[in-house]
Amino acid sequence: MGQRSGHFPSQFSSQSLWRKARGFTLPEVIVVTLLISILSAQALPRLSQSWNQLLVSRLVATLHVVIQNVRQHAIVEERGTLIEFSQQTWCARYTDADDDSCALAFGHLPSPWLFMLGNRTKAVFEYSAGRGFSPLSAGQIQIARASSGEPAIHIFNSTLGRARVCASFAHIKIPAC
């Protein structure tokens, strides 16, 4: 066995550690920044599209649940119910209510979306009371982006009172029309 010296090898000297711990050079920082900006430029449109699809899915699910709940109130409580759709809001109430309060549900569309009502100011889905009920109104409501005016989402109310939702564009969770 040889004698140990009290010195570390040169690769572990304090000077070489200080040189290695100085930080990054300017070209390294520029390359990393450039790579991050390229990746984020490709990811942001996809993230935005996913966010919009999430908002549309949530909106459609909310409206579908509101329609089903209002229909269920008519059956269970044996009272007539209706949902009024104006350009950006919906209001669900009993037909025999004295006031125009939205006792069952109220909501509004997020800003880029509008209910397409044609030349009408309101559209109504109305349900009659009782177990052997049939809806008093069948039809459809269309929802469109305010900027395009093209219907994007269709909500159909059948003569049996069932609501069906479809989209006129490719969407992950909404069936196509």
N, C-alpha and C. Protein backbone atom coordinates (compact mmCIF):
# COMPACT_ATOMS: atom_id res chain seq x y z
N MET A 1 0.83 -1.16 0.00
CA MET A 1 0.00 0.00 0.00
C MET A 1 0.88 1.23 0.00
N GLY A 2 0.49 2.10 -0.87
CA GLY A 2 1.27 3.31 -0.97
C GLY A 2 0.81 4.34 0.04
N GLN A 3 1.61 5.32 0.17
CA GLN A 3 1.32 6.37 1.11
C GLN A 3 0.29 7.32 0.51
N ARG A 4 -0.66 7.76 1.30
CA ARG A 4 -1.69 8.68 0.83
C ARG A 4 -1.19 10.10 0.95
N SER A 5 -1.47 10.84 -0.07
CA SER A 5 -1.12 12.25 0.03
C SER A 5 -2.33 13.02 0.53
N GLY A 6 -2.17 14.14 1.05
CA GLY A 6 -3.26 14.94 1.59
C GLY A 6 -3.96 15.77 0.54
N HIS A 7 -3.64 15.55 -0.72
CA HIS A 7 -4.23 16.36 -1.79
C HIS A 7 -5.25 15.55 -2.58
N PHE A 8 -6.30 16.25 -3.03
CA PHE A 8 -7.27 15.63 -3.93
C PHE A 8 -6.71 15.66 -5.34
N PRO A 9 -7.18 14.76 -6.18
CA PRO A 9 -6.77 14.85 -7.58
C PRO A 9 -7.24 16.18 -8.17
N SER A 10 -6.64 16.58 -9.26
CA SER A 10 -6.91 17.89 -9.83
C SER A 10 -8.36 18.06 -10.27
N GLN A 11 -9.05 16.95 -10.60
CA GLN A 11 -10.44 17.11 -11.03
C GLN A 11 -11.35 17.52 -9.89
N PHE A 12 -10.92 17.38 -8.67
CA PHE A 12 -11.73 17.78 -7.53
C PHE A 12 -11.20 19.03 -6.84
N SER A 13 -10.34 19.72 -7.48
CA SER A 13 -9.78 20.91 -6.85
C SER A 13 -10.85 22.00 -6.76
N SER A 14 -10.67 22.90 -5.86
CA SER A 14 -11.66 23.96 -5.66
C SER A 14 -11.74 24.89 -6.85
N GLN A 15 -10.65 25.06 -7.58
CA GLN A 15 -10.68 25.92 -8.77
C GLN A 15 -11.53 25.31 -9.87
N SER A 16 -11.43 24.00 -10.11
CA SER A 16 -12.23 23.39 -11.18
C SER A 16 -13.71 23.36 -10.79
N LEU A 17 -14.03 23.17 -9.52
CA LEU A 17 -15.43 23.20 -9.10
C LEU A 17 -16.00 24.61 -9.27
N TRP A 18 -15.21 25.62 -9.00
CA TRP A 18 -15.67 27.00 -9.15
C TRP A 18 -15.93 27.30 -10.62
N ARG A 19 -15.09 26.80 -11.51
CA ARG A 19 -15.28 27.04 -12.93
C ARG A 19 -16.55 26.35 -13.43
N LYS A 20 -16.83 25.17 -12.95
CA LYS A 20 -18.02 24.44 -13.39
C LYS A 20 -19.30 25.04 -12.82
N ALA A 21 -19.26 25.71 -11.71
CA ALA A 21 -20.45 26.25 -11.06
C ALA A 21 -20.73 27.69 -11.44
N ARG A 22 -20.10 28.22 -12.48
CA ARG A 22 -20.28 29.61 -12.86
C ARG A 22 -21.65 29.87 -13.45
N GLY A 23 -22.29 28.94 -14.12
CA GLY A 23 -23.59 29.16 -14.74
C GLY A 23 -23.54 28.83 -16.22
N PHE A 24 -24.56 29.28 -16.93
CA PHE A 24 -24.68 28.99 -18.35
C PHE A 24 -24.10 30.13 -19.18
N THR A 25 -23.64 29.79 -20.35
CA THR A 25 -23.14 30.82 -21.25
C THR A 25 -24.33 31.43 -21.99
N LEU A 26 -24.13 32.57 -22.57
CA LEU A 26 -25.20 33.26 -23.30
C LEU A 26 -25.74 32.42 -24.46
N PRO A 27 -24.91 31.79 -25.28
CA PRO A 27 -25.46 30.95 -26.36
C PRO A 27 -26.32 29.80 -25.83
N GLU A 28 -25.95 29.21 -24.71
CA GLU A 28 -26.76 28.13 -24.13
C GLU A 28 -28.13 28.65 -23.72
N VAL A 29 -28.17 29.78 -23.08
CA VAL A 29 -29.44 30.38 -22.65
C VAL A 29 -30.30 30.71 -23.86
N ILE A 30 -29.71 31.24 -24.91
CA ILE A 30 -30.45 31.60 -26.12
C ILE A 30 -31.04 30.35 -26.78
N VAL A 31 -30.27 29.28 -26.87
CA VAL A 31 -30.75 28.03 -27.49
C VAL A 31 -31.92 27.46 -26.69
N VAL A 32 -31.79 27.41 -25.38
CA VAL A 32 -32.87 26.87 -24.54
C VAL A 32 -34.12 27.74 -24.65
N THR A 33 -33.96 29.05 -24.63
CA THR A 33 -35.10 29.96 -24.77
C THR A 33 -35.78 29.78 -26.13
N LEU A 34 -34.99 29.62 -27.17
CA LEU A 34 -35.53 29.40 -28.51
C LEU A 34 -36.31 28.09 -28.57
N LEU A 35 -35.78 27.03 -28.00
CA LEU A 35 -36.49 25.74 -27.99
C LEU A 35 -37.81 25.84 -27.22
N ILE A 36 -37.80 26.49 -26.07
CA ILE A 36 -39.03 26.64 -25.27
C ILE A 36 -40.06 27.46 -26.04
N SER A 37 -39.64 28.51 -26.71
CA SER A 37 -40.60 29.33 -27.46
C SER A 37 -41.18 28.58 -28.65
N ILE A 38 -40.39 27.77 -29.33
CA ILE A 38 -40.91 26.97 -30.45
C ILE A 38 -41.91 25.95 -29.95
N LEU A 39 -41.60 25.26 -28.86
CA LEU A 39 -42.52 24.26 -28.32
C LEU A 39 -43.82 24.91 -27.83
N SER A 40 -43.72 26.05 -27.17
CA SER A 40 -44.94 26.70 -26.67
C SER A 40 -45.77 27.26 -27.82
N ALA A 41 -45.13 27.71 -28.89
CA ALA A 41 -45.89 28.21 -30.04
C ALA A 41 -46.70 27.09 -30.69
N GLN A 42 -46.20 25.87 -30.64
CA GLN A 42 -46.96 24.75 -31.19
C GLN A 42 -48.01 24.25 -30.22
N ALA A 43 -47.77 24.38 -28.93
CA ALA A 43 -48.68 23.84 -27.94
C ALA A 43 -49.85 24.77 -27.64
N LEU A 44 -49.67 26.08 -27.73
CA LEU A 44 -50.74 27.01 -27.36
C LEU A 44 -52.01 26.87 -28.20
N PRO A 45 -51.94 26.76 -29.52
CA PRO A 45 -53.20 26.56 -30.27
C PRO A 45 -53.93 25.27 -29.87
N ARG A 46 -53.17 24.23 -29.63
CA ARG A 46 -53.81 22.96 -29.21
C ARG A 46 -54.44 23.10 -27.84
N LEU A 47 -53.76 23.80 -26.95
CA LEU A 47 -54.30 24.03 -25.62
C LEU A 47 -55.55 24.89 -25.69
N SER A 48 -55.53 25.90 -26.52
CA SER A 48 -56.70 26.76 -26.70
C SER A 48 -57.88 25.99 -27.27
N GLN A 49 -57.62 25.14 -28.24
CA GLN A 49 -58.68 24.32 -28.83
C GLN A 49 -59.26 23.36 -27.80
N SER A 50 -58.40 22.75 -27.00
CA SER A 50 -58.88 21.84 -25.95
C SER A 50 -59.71 22.59 -24.92
N TRP A 51 -59.29 23.80 -24.58
CA TRP A 51 -60.04 24.61 -23.62
C TRP A 51 -61.42 24.94 -24.17
N ASN A 52 -61.50 25.34 -25.45
CA ASN A 52 -62.79 25.64 -26.07
C ASN A 52 -63.69 24.42 -26.11
N GLN A 53 -63.13 23.25 -26.42
CA GLN A 53 -63.92 22.03 -26.44
C GLN A 53 -64.44 21.69 -25.05
N LEU A 54 -63.64 21.95 -24.04
CA LEU A 54 -64.08 21.71 -22.67
C LEU A 54 -65.24 22.63 -22.32
N LEU A 55 -65.15 23.91 -22.69
CA LEU A 55 -66.24 24.85 -22.41
C LEU A 55 -67.52 24.46 -23.14
N VAL A 56 -67.41 24.04 -24.39
CA VAL A 56 -68.58 23.62 -25.16
C VAL A 56 -69.20 22.38 -24.53
N SER A 57 -68.38 21.42 -24.15
CA SER A 57 -68.89 20.20 -23.51
C SER A 57 -69.63 20.53 -22.22
N ARG A 58 -69.07 21.43 -21.44
CA ARG A 58 -69.70 21.81 -20.17
C ARG A 58 -71.03 22.52 -20.42
N LEU A 59 -71.06 23.42 -21.41
CA LEU A 59 -72.29 24.13 -21.75
C LEU A 59 -73.38 23.16 -22.19
N VAL A 60 -73.03 22.26 -23.07
CA VAL A 60 -74.01 21.29 -23.59
C VAL A 60 -74.51 20.39 -22.47
N ALA A 61 -73.61 19.92 -21.63
CA ALA A 61 -74.01 19.06 -20.52
C ALA A 61 -74.95 19.80 -19.56
N THR A 62 -74.64 21.06 -19.29
CA THR A 62 -75.49 21.86 -18.40
C THR A 62 -76.89 22.02 -18.99
N LEU A 63 -76.98 22.39 -20.25
CA LEU A 63 -78.30 22.56 -20.89
C LEU A 63 -79.07 21.25 -20.94
N HIS A 64 -78.39 20.18 -21.23
CA HIS A 64 -79.05 18.88 -21.29
C HIS A 64 -79.62 18.50 -19.93
N VAL A 65 -78.86 18.72 -18.87
CA VAL A 65 -79.33 18.42 -17.51
C VAL A 65 -80.50 19.32 -17.13
N VAL A 66 -80.44 20.60 -17.48
CA VAL A 66 -81.54 21.52 -17.18
C VAL A 66 -82.83 21.03 -17.86
N ILE A 67 -82.74 20.68 -19.12
CA ILE A 67 -83.93 20.21 -19.85
C ILE A 67 -84.48 18.94 -19.22
N GLN A 68 -83.61 18.00 -18.86
CA GLN A 68 -84.08 16.76 -18.23
C GLN A 68 -84.70 17.02 -16.87
N ASN A 69 -84.10 17.93 -16.09
CA ASN A 69 -84.65 18.23 -14.76
C ASN A 69 -86.00 18.92 -14.84
N VAL A 70 -86.16 19.84 -15.77
CA VAL A 70 -87.45 20.53 -15.92
C VAL A 70 -88.52 19.54 -16.35
N ARG A 71 -88.19 18.66 -17.26
CA ARG A 71 -89.13 17.61 -17.69
C ARG A 71 -89.49 16.72 -16.50
N GLN A 72 -88.49 16.35 -15.69
CA GLN A 72 -88.72 15.50 -14.53
C GLN A 72 -89.61 16.21 -13.50
N HIS A 73 -89.43 17.51 -13.31
CA HIS A 73 -90.30 18.26 -12.40
C HIS A 73 -91.75 18.18 -12.85
N ALA A 74 -91.99 18.28 -14.14
CA ALA A 74 -93.36 18.20 -14.65
C ALA A 74 -93.98 16.85 -14.33
N ILE A 75 -93.20 15.80 -14.45
CA ILE A 75 -93.73 14.45 -14.21
C ILE A 75 -93.96 14.22 -12.72
N VAL A 76 -92.95 14.47 -11.91
CA VAL A 76 -93.01 14.13 -10.49
C VAL A 76 -93.99 15.03 -9.72
N GLU A 77 -93.94 16.31 -9.98
CA GLU A 77 -94.77 17.23 -9.22
C GLU A 77 -96.13 17.48 -9.86
N GLU A 78 -96.35 16.88 -11.00
CA GLU A 78 -97.60 17.01 -11.73
C GLU A 78 -98.00 18.47 -11.91
N ARG A 79 -97.03 19.25 -12.30
CA ARG A 79 -97.22 20.67 -12.61
C ARG A 79 -96.56 20.95 -13.95
N GLY A 80 -97.17 21.79 -14.73
CA GLY A 80 -96.57 22.15 -16.00
C GLY A 80 -95.30 22.97 -15.82
N THR A 81 -94.33 22.71 -16.64
CA THR A 81 -93.08 23.45 -16.57
C THR A 81 -92.71 23.96 -17.96
N LEU A 82 -91.84 24.95 -17.98
CA LEU A 82 -91.34 25.43 -19.27
C LEU A 82 -89.95 25.99 -19.11
N ILE A 83 -89.24 26.01 -20.23
CA ILE A 83 -87.93 26.66 -20.31
C ILE A 83 -88.02 27.70 -21.40
N GLU A 84 -87.72 28.94 -21.05
CA GLU A 84 -87.70 30.02 -22.04
C GLU A 84 -86.24 30.32 -22.38
N PHE A 85 -85.96 30.35 -23.67
CA PHE A 85 -84.62 30.69 -24.15
C PHE A 85 -84.69 32.05 -24.81
N SER A 86 -83.91 33.00 -24.31
CA SER A 86 -83.75 34.28 -25.02
C SER A 86 -82.38 34.24 -25.68
N GLN A 87 -81.88 35.35 -26.12
CA GLN A 87 -80.65 35.31 -26.92
C GLN A 87 -79.44 34.76 -26.16
N GLN A 88 -79.29 35.11 -24.89
CA GLN A 88 -78.15 34.60 -24.14
C GLN A 88 -78.51 33.95 -22.81
N THR A 89 -79.79 33.83 -22.48
CA THR A 89 -80.16 33.25 -21.19
C THR A 89 -81.24 32.19 -21.37
N TRP A 90 -81.40 31.38 -20.32
CA TRP A 90 -82.53 30.47 -20.23
C TRP A 90 -83.11 30.58 -18.84
N CYS A 91 -84.42 30.36 -18.77
CA CYS A 91 -85.15 30.47 -17.51
C CYS A 91 -86.15 29.33 -17.46
N ALA A 92 -86.09 28.52 -16.40
CA ALA A 92 -87.01 27.40 -16.24
C ALA A 92 -87.92 27.69 -15.04
N ARG A 93 -89.23 27.49 -15.26
CA ARG A 93 -90.19 27.77 -14.19
C ARG A 93 -91.44 26.94 -14.39
N TYR A 94 -92.33 27.04 -13.43
CA TYR A 94 -93.64 26.37 -13.53
C TYR A 94 -94.57 27.24 -14.37
N THR A 95 -95.43 26.61 -15.15
CA THR A 95 -96.34 27.37 -16.01
C THR A 95 -97.42 28.08 -15.21
N ASP A 96 -97.77 27.56 -14.05
CA ASP A 96 -98.83 28.18 -13.27
C ASP A 96 -98.31 29.18 -12.24
N ALA A 97 -97.03 29.50 -12.29
CA ALA A 97 -96.46 30.47 -11.34
C ALA A 97 -97.00 31.86 -11.64
N ASP A 98 -97.28 32.61 -10.58
CA ASP A 98 -97.82 33.95 -10.73
C ASP A 98 -96.79 34.95 -11.24
N ASP A 99 -95.55 34.73 -10.87
CA ASP A 99 -94.52 35.67 -11.29
C ASP A 99 -93.65 35.04 -12.39
N ASP A 100 -92.78 35.81 -12.93
CA ASP A 100 -91.90 35.33 -13.98
C ASP A 100 -90.54 34.89 -13.43
N SER A 101 -90.49 34.54 -12.15
CA SER A 101 -89.21 34.14 -11.57
C SER A 101 -88.79 32.79 -12.14
N CYS A 102 -87.54 32.60 -12.19
CA CYS A 102 -86.96 31.36 -12.71
C CYS A 102 -86.78 30.40 -11.54
N ALA A 103 -87.88 29.82 -11.07
CA ALA A 103 -87.86 29.00 -9.86
C ALA A 103 -87.08 27.70 -10.03
N LEU A 104 -87.05 27.15 -11.23
CA LEU A 104 -86.39 25.86 -11.43
C LEU A 104 -84.94 25.99 -11.85
N ALA A 105 -84.65 26.91 -12.72
CA ALA A 105 -83.27 27.08 -13.17
C ALA A 105 -83.13 28.40 -13.92
N PHE A 106 -81.94 28.92 -13.89
CA PHE A 106 -81.60 30.11 -14.66
C PHE A 106 -80.14 30.00 -15.05
N GLY A 107 -79.83 30.46 -16.23
CA GLY A 107 -78.44 30.44 -16.66
C GLY A 107 -78.24 31.33 -17.87
N HIS A 108 -76.98 31.53 -18.19
CA HIS A 108 -76.66 32.32 -19.37
C HIS A 108 -75.49 31.68 -20.11
N LEU A 109 -75.45 31.94 -21.40
CA LEU A 109 -74.39 31.40 -22.23
C LEU A 109 -73.12 32.22 -22.03
N PRO A 110 -71.96 31.59 -22.12
CA PRO A 110 -70.73 32.36 -22.09
C PRO A 110 -70.66 33.30 -23.29
N SER A 111 -69.87 34.34 -23.19
CA SER A 111 -69.93 35.47 -24.12
C SER A 111 -69.85 35.16 -25.61
N PRO A 112 -69.05 34.22 -26.12
CA PRO A 112 -69.06 34.12 -27.59
C PRO A 112 -70.26 33.37 -28.14
N TRP A 113 -71.12 32.80 -27.29
CA TRP A 113 -72.21 31.95 -27.75
C TRP A 113 -73.55 32.65 -27.64
N LEU A 114 -74.45 32.35 -28.57
CA LEU A 114 -75.81 32.90 -28.60
C LEU A 114 -76.79 31.81 -28.98
N PHE A 115 -78.02 31.92 -28.45
CA PHE A 115 -79.10 31.07 -28.95
C PHE A 115 -79.59 31.66 -30.26
N MET A 116 -79.72 30.84 -31.28
CA MET A 116 -80.24 31.29 -32.57
C MET A 116 -81.76 31.18 -32.52
N LEU A 117 -82.45 32.29 -32.53
CA LEU A 117 -83.90 32.31 -32.39
C LEU A 117 -84.60 32.74 -33.67
N GLY A 118 -83.87 33.04 -34.69
CA GLY A 118 -84.48 33.53 -35.93
C GLY A 118 -85.09 34.90 -35.69
N ASN A 119 -86.34 35.06 -36.09
CA ASN A 119 -87.01 36.35 -35.89
C ASN A 119 -87.79 36.40 -34.58
N ARG A 120 -87.68 35.36 -33.76
CA ARG A 120 -88.37 35.33 -32.47
C ARG A 120 -87.52 35.98 -31.38
N THR A 121 -88.17 36.47 -30.35
CA THR A 121 -87.43 37.01 -29.21
C THR A 121 -87.18 35.94 -28.16
N LYS A 122 -88.05 34.90 -28.14
CA LYS A 122 -87.90 33.80 -27.19
C LYS A 122 -88.29 32.50 -27.86
N ALA A 123 -87.71 31.42 -27.38
CA ALA A 123 -88.13 30.07 -27.76
C ALA A 123 -88.50 29.34 -26.48
N VAL A 124 -89.47 28.47 -26.54
CA VAL A 124 -89.98 27.82 -25.33
C VAL A 124 -90.06 26.31 -25.54
N PHE A 125 -89.55 25.57 -24.55
CA PHE A 125 -89.83 24.14 -24.43
C PHE A 125 -90.79 24.02 -23.26
N GLU A 126 -91.96 23.47 -23.50
CA GLU A 126 -92.98 23.40 -22.45
C GLU A 126 -93.39 21.95 -22.23
N TYR A 127 -93.57 21.58 -20.96
CA TYR A 127 -93.92 20.20 -20.59
C TYR A 127 -95.21 20.22 -19.79
N SER A 128 -96.12 19.31 -20.12
CA SER A 128 -97.39 19.23 -19.39
C SER A 128 -97.19 18.41 -18.12
N ALA A 129 -98.13 18.54 -17.22
CA ALA A 129 -98.02 17.89 -15.92
C ALA A 129 -98.49 16.45 -15.97
N GLY A 130 -98.02 15.67 -15.02
CA GLY A 130 -98.56 14.35 -14.79
C GLY A 130 -97.74 13.22 -15.37
N ARG A 131 -98.14 12.02 -15.01
CA ARG A 131 -97.43 10.82 -15.42
C ARG A 131 -97.59 10.53 -16.91
N GLY A 132 -98.78 10.70 -17.44
CA GLY A 132 -99.00 10.42 -18.84
C GLY A 132 -98.79 11.65 -19.68
N PHE A 133 -97.75 12.37 -19.36
CA PHE A 133 -97.55 13.67 -19.99
C PHE A 133 -97.02 13.53 -21.41
N SER A 134 -97.20 14.57 -22.13
CA SER A 134 -96.48 14.73 -23.40
C SER A 134 -96.06 16.18 -23.45
N PRO A 135 -94.95 16.48 -24.08
CA PRO A 135 -94.54 17.88 -24.11
C PRO A 135 -95.52 18.70 -24.92
N LEU A 136 -95.72 19.92 -24.51
CA LEU A 136 -96.62 20.79 -25.23
C LEU A 136 -95.93 21.42 -26.43
N SER A 137 -94.60 21.40 -26.43
CA SER A 137 -93.89 21.96 -27.56
C SER A 137 -92.69 21.10 -27.89
N ALA A 138 -92.51 20.84 -29.11
CA ALA A 138 -91.32 20.14 -29.60
C ALA A 138 -90.61 21.10 -30.53
N GLY A 139 -89.37 20.88 -30.75
CA GLY A 139 -88.63 21.76 -31.64
C GLY A 139 -87.16 21.67 -31.38
N GLN A 140 -86.46 22.70 -31.80
CA GLN A 140 -85.03 22.70 -31.58
C GLN A 140 -84.53 24.11 -31.25
N ILE A 141 -83.44 24.13 -30.54
CA ILE A 141 -82.72 25.35 -30.22
C ILE A 141 -81.34 25.19 -30.83
N GLN A 142 -80.86 26.22 -31.45
CA GLN A 142 -79.52 26.18 -32.00
C GLN A 142 -78.65 27.19 -31.26
N ILE A 143 -77.41 26.80 -31.05
CA ILE A 143 -76.44 27.67 -30.39
C ILE A 143 -75.32 27.93 -31.37
N ALA A 144 -74.93 29.20 -31.49
CA ALA A 144 -73.89 29.57 -32.45
C ALA A 144 -72.91 30.53 -31.81
N ARG A 145 -71.72 30.59 -32.37
CA ARG A 145 -70.77 31.62 -31.98
C ARG A 145 -71.26 32.95 -32.53
N ALA A 146 -71.16 33.99 -31.73
CA ALA A 146 -71.64 35.31 -32.15
C ALA A 146 -70.89 35.81 -33.38
N SER A 147 -69.62 35.48 -33.49
CA SER A 147 -68.81 35.99 -34.60
C SER A 147 -69.20 35.35 -35.93
N SER A 148 -69.51 34.06 -35.93
CA SER A 148 -69.80 33.38 -37.20
C SER A 148 -71.28 33.37 -37.54
N GLY A 149 -72.14 33.23 -36.54
CA GLY A 149 -73.57 33.16 -36.78
C GLY A 149 -74.02 31.81 -37.32
N GLU A 150 -73.08 30.90 -37.56
CA GLU A 150 -73.42 29.55 -38.03
C GLU A 150 -73.79 28.68 -36.84
N PRO A 151 -74.91 27.94 -36.92
CA PRO A 151 -75.27 27.06 -35.81
C PRO A 151 -74.20 26.01 -35.58
N ALA A 152 -73.77 25.87 -34.36
CA ALA A 152 -72.73 24.90 -34.02
C ALA A 152 -73.29 23.74 -33.22
N ILE A 153 -74.27 24.02 -32.36
CA ILE A 153 -74.84 23.00 -31.49
C ILE A 153 -76.35 23.03 -31.67
N HIS A 154 -76.95 21.85 -31.77
CA HIS A 154 -78.40 21.73 -31.93
C HIS A 154 -78.94 20.93 -30.75
N ILE A 155 -80.00 21.45 -30.14
CA ILE A 155 -80.69 20.73 -29.06
C ILE A 155 -82.10 20.48 -29.56
N PHE A 156 -82.43 19.21 -29.71
CA PHE A 156 -83.75 18.82 -30.21
C PHE A 156 -84.61 18.36 -29.05
N ASN A 157 -85.83 18.84 -29.00
CA ASN A 157 -86.82 18.41 -28.02
C ASN A 157 -87.87 17.63 -28.78
N SER A 158 -87.92 16.32 -28.55
CA SER A 158 -88.83 15.47 -29.32
C SER A 158 -90.25 15.57 -28.79
N THR A 159 -91.19 14.99 -29.51
CA THR A 159 -92.58 14.99 -29.07
C THR A 159 -92.78 14.13 -27.83
N LEU A 160 -91.81 13.27 -27.51
CA LEU A 160 -91.86 12.49 -26.28
C LEU A 160 -91.19 13.22 -25.12
N GLY A 161 -90.67 14.41 -25.38
CA GLY A 161 -90.03 15.19 -24.34
C GLY A 161 -88.58 14.85 -24.10
N ARG A 162 -88.00 14.08 -24.98
CA ARG A 162 -86.59 13.72 -24.83
C ARG A 162 -85.73 14.76 -25.53
N ALA A 163 -84.64 15.10 -24.90
CA ALA A 163 -83.71 16.07 -25.48
C ALA A 163 -82.53 15.32 -26.11
N ARG A 164 -82.17 15.74 -27.30
CA ARG A 164 -81.00 15.17 -28.00
C ARG A 164 -80.10 16.32 -28.41
N VAL A 165 -78.82 16.16 -28.19
CA VAL A 165 -77.86 17.20 -28.50
C VAL A 165 -76.89 16.69 -29.55
N CYS A 166 -76.60 17.51 -30.54
CA CYS A 166 -75.58 17.15 -31.52
C CYS A 166 -74.84 18.42 -31.96
N ALA A 167 -73.67 18.22 -32.53
CA ALA A 167 -72.84 19.34 -32.97
C ALA A 167 -72.62 19.25 -34.47
N SER A 168 -72.54 20.40 -35.12
CA SER A 168 -72.30 20.42 -36.55
C SER A 168 -70.81 20.53 -36.87
N PHE A 169 -69.96 20.35 -35.86
CA PHE A 169 -68.51 20.33 -36.06
C PHE A 169 -67.96 19.13 -35.31
N ALA A 170 -66.76 18.73 -35.65
CA ALA A 170 -66.15 17.58 -34.99
C ALA A 170 -65.85 17.93 -33.54
N HIS A 171 -66.39 17.13 -32.64
CA HIS A 171 -66.17 17.35 -31.21
C HIS A 171 -66.03 15.99 -30.56
N ILE A 172 -65.19 15.94 -29.56
CA ILE A 172 -64.87 14.66 -28.93
C ILE A 172 -66.07 14.05 -28.22
N LYS A 173 -66.82 14.83 -27.47
CA LYS A 173 -67.87 14.28 -26.60
C LYS A 173 -69.29 14.54 -27.09
N ILE A 174 -69.46 15.24 -28.18
CA ILE A 174 -70.80 15.54 -28.69
C ILE A 174 -70.95 14.85 -30.03
N PRO A 175 -72.01 14.04 -30.20
CA PRO A 175 -72.18 13.38 -31.50
C PRO A 175 -72.46 14.37 -32.62
N ALA A 176 -72.08 14.00 -33.81
CA ALA A 176 -72.31 14.87 -34.98
C ALA A 176 -73.77 14.80 -35.40
N CYS A 177 -74.26 15.88 -35.96
CA CYS A 177 -75.64 15.93 -36.45
C CYS A 177 -75.74 15.24 -37.79
